[in-house]
All heavy atoms as atom14 arrays in JSON, in Angstrom:
{
  "sequence": "ALLLLGAAAFVAIDHCLRTAFGTVGDVLS",
  "atom14_mask": [
    [1, 1, 1, 1, 1, 0, 0, 0, 0, 0, 0, 0, 0, 0],
    [1, 1, 1, 1, 1, 1, 1, 1, 0, 0, 0, 0, 0, 0],
    [1, 1, 1, 1, 1, 1, 1, 1, 0, 0, 0, 0, 0, 0],
    [1, 1, 1, 1, 1, 1, 1, 1, 0, 0, 0, 0, 0, 0],
    [1, 1, 1, 1, 1, 1, 1, 1, 0, 0, 0, 0, 0, 0],
    [1, 1, 1, 1, 0, 0, 0, 0, 0, 0, 0, 0, 0, 0],
    [1, 1, 1, 1, 1, 0, 0, 0, 0, 0, 0, 0, 0, 0],
    [1, 1, 1, 1, 1, 0, 0, 0, 0, 0, 0, 0, 0, 0],
    [1, 1, 1, 1, 1, 0, 0, 0, 0, 0, 0, 0, 0, 0],
    [1, 1, 1, 1, 1, 1, 1, 1, 1, 1, 1, 0, 0, 0],
    [1, 1, 1, 1, 1, 1, 1, 0, 0, 0, 0, 0, 0, 0],
    [1, 1, 1, 1, 1, 0, 0, 0, 0, 0, 0, 0, 0, 0],
    [1, 1, 1, 1, 1, 1, 1, 1, 0, 0, 0, 0, 0, 0],
    [1, 1, 1, 1, 1, 1, 1, 1, 0, 0, 0, 0, 0, 0],
    [1, 1, 1, 1, 1, 1, 1, 1, 1, 1, 0, 0, 0, 0],
    [1, 1, 1, 1, 1, 1, 0, 0, 0, 0, 0, 0, 0, 0],
    [1, 1, 1, 1, 1, 1, 1, 1, 0, 0, 0, 0, 0, 0],
    [1, 1, 1, 1, 1, 1, 1, 1, 1, 1, 1, 0, 0, 0],
    [1, 1, 1, 1, 1, 1, 1, 0, 0, 0, 0, 0, 0, 0],
    [1, 1, 1, 1, 1, 0, 0, 0, 0, 0, 0, 0, 0, 0],
    [1, 1, 1, 1, 1, 1, 1, 1, 1, 1, 1, 0, 0, 0],
    [1, 1, 1, 1, 0, 0, 0, 0, 0, 0, 0, 0, 0, 0],
    [1, 1, 1, 1, 1, 1, 1, 0, 0, 0, 0, 0, 0, 0],
    [1, 1, 1, 1, 1, 1, 1, 0, 0, 0, 0, 0, 0, 0],
    [1, 1, 1, 1, 0, 0, 0, 0, 0, 0, 0, 0, 0, 0],
    [1, 1, 1, 1, 1, 1, 1, 1, 0, 0, 0, 0, 0, 0],
    [1, 1, 1, 1, 1, 1, 1, 0, 0, 0, 0, 0, 0, 0],
    [1, 1, 1, 1, 1, 1, 1, 1, 0, 0, 0, 0, 0, 0],
    [1, 1, 1, 1, 1, 1, 0, 0, 0, 0, 0, 0, 0, 0]
  ],
  "atom14_positions": [
    [[115.06, 104.88, 113.53], [113.61, 105.05, 113.53], [113.23, 106.48, 113.15], [112.27, 106.71, 112.39], [113.06, 104.72, 114.91], [0.0, 0.0, 0.0], [0.0, 0.0, 0.0], [0.0, 0.0, 0.0], [0.0, 0.0, 0.0], [0.0, 0.0, 0.0], [0.0, 0.0, 0.0], [0.0, 0.0, 0.0], [0.0, 0.0, 0.0], [0.0, 0.0, 0.0]],
    [[113.98, 107.48, 113.66], [113.67, 108.86, 113.35], [113.95, 109.17, 111.88], [113.21, 109.93, 111.24], [114.49, 109.79, 114.25], [114.09, 111.26, 114.24], [112.64, 111.43, 114.67], [115.0, 112.07, 115.15], [0.0, 0.0, 0.0], [0.0, 0.0, 0.0], [0.0, 0.0, 0.0], [0.0, 0.0, 0.0], [0.0, 0.0, 0.0], [0.0, 0.0, 0.0]],
    [[115.0, 108.58, 111.31], [115.28, 108.76, 109.88], [114.14, 108.19, 109.03], [113.71, 108.8, 108.05], [116.61, 108.11, 109.51], [117.88, 108.86, 109.95], [119.11, 108.0, 109.67], [117.99, 110.19, 109.23], [0.0, 0.0, 0.0], [0.0, 0.0, 0.0], [0.0, 0.0, 0.0], [0.0, 0.0, 0.0], [0.0, 0.0, 0.0], [0.0, 0.0, 0.0]],
    [[113.66, 107.01, 109.41], [112.54, 106.42, 108.67], [111.29, 107.28, 108.78], [110.57, 107.49, 107.79], [112.27, 105.0, 109.19], [113.38, 103.97, 108.93], [113.05, 102.64, 109.6], [113.58, 103.77, 107.43], [0.0, 0.0, 0.0], [0.0, 0.0, 0.0], [0.0, 0.0, 0.0], [0.0, 0.0, 0.0], [0.0, 0.0, 0.0], [0.0, 0.0, 0.0]],
    [[111.02, 107.78, 109.98], [109.86, 108.64, 110.17], [110.0, 109.93, 109.38], [109.04, 110.42, 108.75], [109.68, 108.95, 111.66], [108.52, 109.89, 112.02], [107.18, 109.29, 111.59], [108.52, 110.17, 113.53], [0.0, 0.0, 0.0], [0.0, 0.0, 0.0], [0.0, 0.0, 0.0], [0.0, 0.0, 0.0], [0.0, 0.0, 0.0], [0.0, 0.0, 0.0]],
    [[111.23, 110.51, 109.39], [111.45, 111.73, 108.63], [111.3, 111.53, 107.14], [110.71, 112.36, 106.45], [0.0, 0.0, 0.0], [0.0, 0.0, 0.0], [0.0, 0.0, 0.0], [0.0, 0.0, 0.0], [0.0, 0.0, 0.0], [0.0, 0.0, 0.0], [0.0, 0.0, 0.0], [0.0, 0.0, 0.0], [0.0, 0.0, 0.0], [0.0, 0.0, 0.0]],
    [[111.84, 110.41, 106.65], [111.69, 110.11, 105.22], [110.22, 109.96, 104.85], [109.76, 110.49, 103.82], [112.47, 108.85, 104.88], [0.0, 0.0, 0.0], [0.0, 0.0, 0.0], [0.0, 0.0, 0.0], [0.0, 0.0, 0.0], [0.0, 0.0, 0.0], [0.0, 0.0, 0.0], [0.0, 0.0, 0.0], [0.0, 0.0, 0.0], [0.0, 0.0, 0.0]],
    [[109.47, 109.25, 105.69], [108.04, 109.06, 105.41], [107.3, 110.39, 105.42], [106.45, 110.66, 104.55], [107.45, 108.12, 106.44], [0.0, 0.0, 0.0], [0.0, 0.0, 0.0], [0.0, 0.0, 0.0], [0.0, 0.0, 0.0], [0.0, 0.0, 0.0], [0.0, 0.0, 0.0], [0.0, 0.0, 0.0], [0.0, 0.0, 0.0], [0.0, 0.0, 0.0]],
    [[107.59, 111.25, 106.38], [106.9, 112.54, 106.46], [107.27, 113.44, 105.3], [106.4, 114.1, 104.7], [107.23, 113.21, 107.79], [0.0, 0.0, 0.0], [0.0, 0.0, 0.0], [0.0, 0.0, 0.0], [0.0, 0.0, 0.0], [0.0, 0.0, 0.0], [0.0, 0.0, 0.0], [0.0, 0.0, 0.0], [0.0, 0.0, 0.0], [0.0, 0.0, 0.0]],
    [[108.56, 113.52, 104.97], [108.99, 114.39, 103.88], [108.42, 113.91, 102.54], [107.98, 114.71, 101.7], [110.51, 114.45, 103.81], [111.14, 115.23, 104.96], [112.52, 115.35, 105.05], [110.36, 115.83, 105.93], [113.1, 116.06, 106.09], [110.94, 116.53, 106.97], [112.31, 116.65, 107.06], [0.0, 0.0, 0.0], [0.0, 0.0, 0.0], [0.0, 0.0, 0.0]],
    [[108.43, 112.59, 102.33], [107.86, 112.04, 101.09], [106.37, 112.34, 101.02], [105.82, 112.66, 99.95], [108.14, 110.52, 101.01], [107.31, 109.88, 99.88], [109.62, 110.27, 100.77], [0.0, 0.0, 0.0], [0.0, 0.0, 0.0], [0.0, 0.0, 0.0], [0.0, 0.0, 0.0], [0.0, 0.0, 0.0], [0.0, 0.0, 0.0], [0.0, 0.0, 0.0]],
    [[105.7, 112.25, 102.15], [104.26, 112.55, 102.17], [104.01, 113.99, 101.77], [103.04, 114.29, 101.03], [103.71, 112.26, 103.56], [0.0, 0.0, 0.0], [0.0, 0.0, 0.0], [0.0, 0.0, 0.0], [0.0, 0.0, 0.0], [0.0, 0.0, 0.0], [0.0, 0.0, 0.0], [0.0, 0.0, 0.0], [0.0, 0.0, 0.0], [0.0, 0.0, 0.0]],
    [[104.86, 114.93, 102.24], [104.68, 116.34, 101.88], [104.92, 116.54, 100.39], [104.12, 117.21, 99.69], [105.62, 117.22, 102.72], [105.22, 117.15, 104.2], [105.59, 118.67, 102.23], [106.2, 117.81, 105.12], [0.0, 0.0, 0.0], [0.0, 0.0, 0.0], [0.0, 0.0, 0.0], [0.0, 0.0, 0.0], [0.0, 0.0, 0.0], [0.0, 0.0, 0.0]],
    [[106.04, 115.99, 99.86], [106.33, 116.13, 98.43], [105.23, 115.45, 97.59], [104.84, 115.96, 96.52], [107.69, 115.52, 98.11], [108.84, 116.41, 98.59], [108.77, 117.63, 98.38], [109.8, 115.88, 99.2], [0.0, 0.0, 0.0], [0.0, 0.0, 0.0], [0.0, 0.0, 0.0], [0.0, 0.0, 0.0], [0.0, 0.0, 0.0], [0.0, 0.0, 0.0]],
    [[104.74, 114.3, 98.06], [103.68, 113.59, 97.35], [102.42, 114.43, 97.31], [101.72, 114.52, 96.28], [103.43, 112.24, 98.03], [102.3, 111.48, 97.44], [101.18, 111.1, 98.16], [102.09, 111.03, 96.16], [100.35, 110.45, 97.39], [100.88, 110.38, 96.15], [0.0, 0.0, 0.0], [0.0, 0.0, 0.0], [0.0, 0.0, 0.0], [0.0, 0.0, 0.0]],
    [[102.08, 115.06, 98.41], [100.88, 115.9, 98.46], [101.0, 117.08, 97.52], [100.05, 117.41, 96.78], [100.65, 116.36, 99.88], [99.21, 117.43, 100.09], [0.0, 0.0, 0.0], [0.0, 0.0, 0.0], [0.0, 0.0, 0.0], [0.0, 0.0, 0.0], [0.0, 0.0, 0.0], [0.0, 0.0, 0.0], [0.0, 0.0, 0.0], [0.0, 0.0, 0.0]],
    [[102.17, 117.77, 97.53], [102.36, 118.92, 96.65], [102.3, 118.51, 95.19], [101.7, 119.21, 94.35], [103.7, 119.59, 96.97], [103.82, 120.27, 98.34], [105.23, 120.77, 98.57], [102.82, 121.43, 98.45], [0.0, 0.0, 0.0], [0.0, 0.0, 0.0], [0.0, 0.0, 0.0], [0.0, 0.0, 0.0], [0.0, 0.0, 0.0], [0.0, 0.0, 0.0]],
    [[102.93, 117.38, 94.88], [102.92, 116.9, 93.49], [101.51, 116.5, 93.07], [101.08, 116.77, 91.94], [103.87, 115.72, 93.36], [103.98, 115.15, 91.96], [104.72, 116.08, 91.04], [104.89, 115.46, 89.73], [105.53, 116.01, 88.71], [106.09, 117.2, 88.88], [105.65, 115.38, 87.55], [0.0, 0.0, 0.0], [0.0, 0.0, 0.0], [0.0, 0.0, 0.0]],
    [[100.78, 115.86, 93.97], [99.42, 115.43, 93.65], [98.51, 116.63, 93.47], [97.68, 116.67, 92.55], [98.9, 114.52, 94.76], [99.76, 113.39, 94.89], [97.48, 114.06, 94.45], [0.0, 0.0, 0.0], [0.0, 0.0, 0.0], [0.0, 0.0, 0.0], [0.0, 0.0, 0.0], [0.0, 0.0, 0.0], [0.0, 0.0, 0.0], [0.0, 0.0, 0.0]],
    [[98.67, 117.61, 94.35], [97.75, 118.75, 94.31], [98.09, 119.74, 93.21], [97.19, 120.3, 92.58], [97.76, 119.46, 95.66], [0.0, 0.0, 0.0], [0.0, 0.0, 0.0], [0.0, 0.0, 0.0], [0.0, 0.0, 0.0], [0.0, 0.0, 0.0], [0.0, 0.0, 0.0], [0.0, 0.0, 0.0], [0.0, 0.0, 0.0], [0.0, 0.0, 0.0]],
    [[99.38, 119.99, 92.97], [99.75, 121.08, 92.06], [100.54, 120.61, 90.84], [100.94, 121.45, 90.02], [100.56, 122.13, 92.81], [99.85, 122.68, 94.0], [100.21, 122.3, 95.29], [98.79, 123.57, 93.85], [99.56, 122.8, 96.39], [98.14, 124.07, 94.96], [98.51, 123.69, 96.23], [0.0, 0.0, 0.0], [0.0, 0.0, 0.0], [0.0, 0.0, 0.0]],
    [[100.84, 119.34, 90.78], [101.58, 118.84, 89.63], [103.0, 119.36, 89.62], [103.71, 119.33, 90.63], [0.0, 0.0, 0.0], [0.0, 0.0, 0.0], [0.0, 0.0, 0.0], [0.0, 0.0, 0.0], [0.0, 0.0, 0.0], [0.0, 0.0, 0.0], [0.0, 0.0, 0.0], [0.0, 0.0, 0.0], [0.0, 0.0, 0.0], [0.0, 0.0, 0.0]],
    [[103.4, 119.85, 88.43], [104.78, 120.35, 88.3], [105.03, 121.54, 89.22], [106.12, 121.71, 89.76], [105.04, 120.75, 86.84], [104.79, 119.62, 85.99], [106.46, 121.23, 86.66], [0.0, 0.0, 0.0], [0.0, 0.0, 0.0], [0.0, 0.0, 0.0], [0.0, 0.0, 0.0], [0.0, 0.0, 0.0], [0.0, 0.0, 0.0], [0.0, 0.0, 0.0]],
    [[104.01, 122.37, 89.42], [104.16, 123.52, 90.32], [104.44, 123.04, 91.74], [105.14, 123.7, 92.52], [102.9, 124.4, 90.27], [103.0, 125.55, 91.26], [102.67, 124.93, 88.87], [0.0, 0.0, 0.0], [0.0, 0.0, 0.0], [0.0, 0.0, 0.0], [0.0, 0.0, 0.0], [0.0, 0.0, 0.0], [0.0, 0.0, 0.0], [0.0, 0.0, 0.0]],
    [[103.93, 121.87, 92.09], [104.19, 121.32, 93.41], [105.67, 121.05, 93.64], [106.18, 121.22, 94.76], [0.0, 0.0, 0.0], [0.0, 0.0, 0.0], [0.0, 0.0, 0.0], [0.0, 0.0, 0.0], [0.0, 0.0, 0.0], [0.0, 0.0, 0.0], [0.0, 0.0, 0.0], [0.0, 0.0, 0.0], [0.0, 0.0, 0.0], [0.0, 0.0, 0.0]],
    [[106.37, 120.66, 92.56], [107.82, 120.46, 92.7], [108.52, 121.79, 92.99], [109.47, 121.85, 93.77], [108.37, 119.84, 91.42], [107.9, 118.41, 91.22], [107.6, 117.75, 92.24], [107.82, 117.96, 90.07], [0.0, 0.0, 0.0], [0.0, 0.0, 0.0], [0.0, 0.0, 0.0], [0.0, 0.0, 0.0], [0.0, 0.0, 0.0], [0.0, 0.0, 0.0]],
    [[108.04, 122.84, 92.32], [108.62, 124.16, 92.59], [108.36, 124.57, 94.04], [109.24, 125.1, 94.73], [108.05, 125.19, 91.6], [108.59, 126.59, 91.93], [108.38, 124.82, 90.18], [0.0, 0.0, 0.0], [0.0, 0.0, 0.0], [0.0, 0.0, 0.0], [0.0, 0.0, 0.0], [0.0, 0.0, 0.0], [0.0, 0.0, 0.0], [0.0, 0.0, 0.0]],
    [[107.11, 124.33, 94.5], [106.79, 124.66, 95.89], [107.65, 123.84, 96.86], [108.07, 124.35, 97.91], [105.31, 124.4, 96.16], [104.33, 125.32, 95.42], [102.89, 124.89, 95.71], [104.54, 126.76, 95.82], [0.0, 0.0, 0.0], [0.0, 0.0, 0.0], [0.0, 0.0, 0.0], [0.0, 0.0, 0.0], [0.0, 0.0, 0.0], [0.0, 0.0, 0.0]],
    [[107.9, 122.57, 96.51], [108.77, 121.74, 97.35], [110.18, 122.31, 97.41], [110.82, 122.32, 98.46], [108.79, 120.31, 96.82], [109.66, 119.52, 97.6], [0.0, 0.0, 0.0], [0.0, 0.0, 0.0], [0.0, 0.0, 0.0], [0.0, 0.0, 0.0], [0.0, 0.0, 0.0], [0.0, 0.0, 0.0], [0.0, 0.0, 0.0], [0.0, 0.0, 0.0]]
  ]
}
């Protein structure tokens, strides 16, 4: 359960950075 929660949270952070900053978001990640 914790692995699933961690994957969901980490993906949400990467998704937010990519959505907000595009390619620069990947660098920030």
